[in-house]
Amino acid sequence: MIKLRRMNRKYDLVVILEPELKAEEQEKLLAKIKKTITDLKGELSENVKLGVKQLTYPISKKKEGIFVELKLNLPADKTLSFRQKLQGEEQILRYLMVAEEKEA
């Protein structure tokens, strides 16, 4: 039987949060995301709050959202589970997770 190595990949994640969230609620949600990452044997390397921005089109009847950029390492086989957990969060309007390209 062939064993597959668990390969960690680097990802950029941009999350759009509900605009009504207070600072403490934002911190609580970001701590929950970080815990999910560590539970899945990943690590969060960077967390940048980009602030409230206008949306190009309304999402769930919201015209603006709080943007947060996260850089993380996660085992490739855990990304689906992580995405499902993000989708289950009601306070997240949208997210985009992109794998960083490997340097040659």
C-alpha atoms as a PDB file:
ATOM      1  CA  MET A   1       0.000   0.000   0.000  1.00  0.00           C
ATOM      2  CA  ILE A   2       1.274   3.460  -0.898  1.00  0.00           C
ATOM      3  CA  LYS A   3       1.339   6.054   1.842  1.00  0.00           C
ATOM      4  CA  LEU A   4       0.720   9.621   0.802  1.00  0.00           C
ATOM      5  CA  ARG A   5       2.691  12.312   2.550  1.00  0.00           C
ATOM      6  CA  ARG A   6       0.693  15.050   4.146  1.00  0.00           C
ATOM      7  CA  MET A   7       1.865  18.038   2.257  1.00  0.00           C
ATOM      8  CA  ASN A   8       1.343  21.440   3.789  1.00  0.00           C
ATOM      9  CA  ARG A   9       0.472  24.165   1.332  1.00  0.00           C
ATOM     10  CA  LYS A  10       0.456  27.904   1.747  1.00  0.00           C
ATOM     11  CA  TYR A  11      -2.864  29.663   1.261  1.00  0.00           C
ATOM     12  CA  ASP A  12      -4.076  33.238   1.113  1.00  0.00           C
ATOM     13  CA  LEU A  13      -7.521  33.640   2.619  1.00  0.00           C
ATOM     14  CA  VAL A  14      -9.657  36.767   2.404  1.00  0.00           C
ATOM     15  CA  VAL A  15     -12.737  36.772   4.594  1.00  0.00           C
ATOM     16  CA  ILE A  16     -15.572  39.320   4.412  1.00  0.00           C
ATOM     17  CA  LEU A  17     -17.302  39.688   7.772  1.00  0.00           C
ATOM     18  CA  GLU A  18     -20.676  41.201   8.640  1.00  0.00           C
ATOM     19  CA  PRO A  19     -20.255  44.995   8.817  1.00  0.00           C
ATOM     20  CA  GLU A  20     -22.168  45.234  12.122  1.00  0.00           C
ATOM     21  CA  LEU A  21     -19.659  43.107  14.056  1.00  0.00           C
ATOM     22  CA  LYS A  22     -18.069  44.887  16.996  1.00  0.00           C
ATOM     23  CA  ALA A  23     -14.292  44.654  17.541  1.00  0.00           C
ATOM     24  CA  GLU A  24     -14.628  42.029  20.280  1.00  0.00           C
ATOM     25  CA  GLU A  25     -16.929  39.891  18.108  1.00  0.00           C
ATOM     26  CA  GLN A  26     -14.426  40.138  15.242  1.00  0.00           C
ATOM     27  CA  GLU A  27     -11.618  38.997  17.546  1.00  0.00           C
ATOM     28  CA  LYS A  28     -13.748  36.119  18.817  1.00  0.00           C
ATOM     29  CA  LEU A  29     -14.525  34.961  15.268  1.00  0.00           C
ATOM     30  CA  LEU A  30     -10.884  35.275  14.149  1.00  0.00           C
ATOM     31  CA  ALA A  31      -9.788  33.307  17.232  1.00  0.00           C
ATOM     32  CA  LYS A  32     -12.299  30.599  16.255  1.00  0.00           C
ATOM     33  CA  ILE A  33     -10.864  30.502  12.714  1.00  0.00           C
ATOM     34  CA  LYS A  34      -7.325  30.267  14.119  1.00  0.00           C
ATOM     35  CA  LYS A  35      -8.378  27.412  16.430  1.00  0.00           C
ATOM     36  CA  THR A  36      -9.926  25.590  13.469  1.00  0.00           C
ATOM     37  CA  ILE A  37      -6.655  25.975  11.539  1.00  0.00           C
ATOM     38  CA  THR A  38      -4.563  24.600  14.419  1.00  0.00           C
ATOM     39  CA  ASP A  39      -7.054  21.757  15.025  1.00  0.00           C
ATOM     40  CA  LEU A  40      -6.525  20.738  11.392  1.00  0.00           C
ATOM     41  CA  LYS A  41      -2.723  20.639  11.942  1.00  0.00           C
ATOM     42  CA  GLY A  42      -2.166  23.958  10.177  1.00  0.00           C
ATOM     43  CA  GLU A  43      -0.727  27.272  11.260  1.00  0.00           C
ATOM     44  CA  LEU A  44      -1.659  30.912  10.795  1.00  0.00           C
ATOM     45  CA  SER A  45       1.323  33.027   9.744  1.00  0.00           C
ATOM     46  CA  GLU A  46      -0.278  36.420   9.158  1.00  0.00           C
ATOM     47  CA  ASN A  47      -3.520  38.185  10.024  1.00  0.00           C
ATOM     48  CA  VAL A  48      -4.215  41.622   8.501  1.00  0.00           C
ATOM     49  CA  LYS A  49      -7.429  43.561   9.050  1.00  0.00           C
ATOM     50  CA  LEU A  50      -8.116  45.591   5.936  1.00  0.00           C
ATOM     51  CA  GLY A  51     -11.105  47.396   7.438  1.00  0.00           C
ATOM     52  CA  VAL A  52     -14.611  48.166   6.223  1.00  0.00           C
ATOM     53  CA  LYS A  53     -14.930  48.388   2.441  1.00  0.00           C
ATOM     54  CA  GLN A  54     -17.756  48.918  -0.005  1.00  0.00           C
ATOM     55  CA  LEU A  55     -18.875  45.789  -1.845  1.00  0.00           C
ATOM     56  CA  THR A  56     -19.194  45.836  -5.629  1.00  0.00           C
ATOM     57  CA  TYR A  57     -22.611  44.234  -5.305  1.00  0.00           C
ATOM     58  CA  PRO A  58     -24.781  43.459  -2.261  1.00  0.00           C
ATOM     59  CA  ILE A  59     -24.175  40.182  -0.444  1.00  0.00           C
ATOM     60  CA  SER A  60     -27.038  39.109   1.819  1.00  0.00           C
ATOM     61  CA  LYS A  61     -28.467  42.645   1.436  1.00  0.00           C
ATOM     62  CA  LYS A  62     -25.225  44.160   2.807  1.00  0.00           C
ATOM     63  CA  LYS A  63     -23.474  46.924   0.867  1.00  0.00           C
ATOM     64  CA  GLU A  64     -20.220  46.828   2.839  1.00  0.00           C
ATOM     65  CA  GLY A  65     -18.164  44.324   4.794  1.00  0.00           C
ATOM     66  CA  ILE A  66     -15.151  43.988   7.061  1.00  0.00           C
ATOM     67  CA  PHE A  67     -12.237  42.536   5.084  1.00  0.00           C
ATOM     68  CA  VAL A  68      -9.580  40.389   6.760  1.00  0.00           C
ATOM     69  CA  GLU A  69      -6.619  38.755   4.999  1.00  0.00           C
ATOM     70  CA  LEU A  70      -5.059  35.623   6.479  1.00  0.00           C
ATOM     71  CA  LYS A  71      -1.972  33.733   5.349  1.00  0.00           C
ATOM     72  CA  LEU A  72      -1.889  30.140   6.487  1.00  0.00           C
ATOM     73  CA  ASN A  73      -0.297  26.743   6.024  1.00  0.00           C
ATOM     74  CA  LEU A  74      -2.663  23.798   5.929  1.00  0.00           C
ATOM     75  CA  PRO A  75      -2.381  20.141   4.925  1.00  0.00           C
ATOM     76  CA  ALA A  76      -3.767  19.810   1.409  1.00  0.00           C
ATOM     77  CA  ASP A  77      -6.160  17.052   2.479  1.00  0.00           C
ATOM     78  CA  LYS A  78      -7.744  19.310   5.135  1.00  0.00           C
ATOM     79  CA  THR A  79      -8.783  22.206   2.885  1.00  0.00           C
ATOM     80  CA  LEU A  80     -12.257  20.834   2.150  1.00  0.00           C
ATOM     81  CA  SER A  81     -12.990  20.424   5.845  1.00  0.00           C
ATOM     82  CA  PHE A  82     -11.724  23.954   6.524  1.00  0.00           C
ATOM     83  CA  ARG A  83     -13.854  25.441   3.745  1.00  0.00           C
ATOM     84  CA  GLN A  84     -16.946  23.680   5.099  1.00  0.00           C
ATOM     85  CA  LYS A  85     -16.335  25.183   8.532  1.00  0.00           C
ATOM     86  CA  LEU A  86     -15.987  28.666   7.008  1.00  0.00           C
ATOM     87  CA  GLN A  87     -19.247  28.230   5.090  1.00  0.00           C
ATOM     88  CA  GLY A  88     -21.006  27.291   8.325  1.00  0.00           C
ATOM     89  CA  GLU A  89     -20.161  30.617   9.970  1.00  0.00           C
ATOM     90  CA  GLU A  90     -23.129  32.986   9.729  1.00  0.00           C
ATOM     91  CA  GLN A  91     -20.974  36.063  10.402  1.00  0.00           C
ATOM     92  CA  ILE A  92     -18.870  35.429   7.277  1.00  0.00           C
ATOM     93  CA  LEU A  93     -20.486  36.920   4.187  1.00  0.00           C
ATOM     94  CA  ARG A  94     -17.927  35.496   1.744  1.00  0.00           C
ATOM     95  CA  TYR A  95     -14.425  34.112   1.619  1.00  0.00           C
ATOM     96  CA  LEU A  96     -11.823  33.388  -1.026  1.00  0.00           C
ATOM     97  CA  MET A  97      -9.058  30.880  -0.405  1.00  0.00           C
ATOM     98  CA  VAL A  98      -6.262  30.610  -2.965  1.00  0.00           C
ATOM     99  CA  ALA A  99      -3.204  28.347  -2.867  1.00  0.00           C
ATOM    100  CA  GLU A 100       0.080  30.198  -3.315  1.00  0.00           C
ATOM    101  CA  GLU A 101       2.127  29.068  -6.274  1.00  0.00           C
ATOM    102  CA  LYS A 102       5.371  27.250  -5.601  1.00  0.00           C
ATOM    103  CA  GLU A 103       8.522  29.105  -6.565  1.00  0.00           C
ATOM    104  CA  ALA A 104      10.615  27.387  -9.206  1.00  0.00           C
END
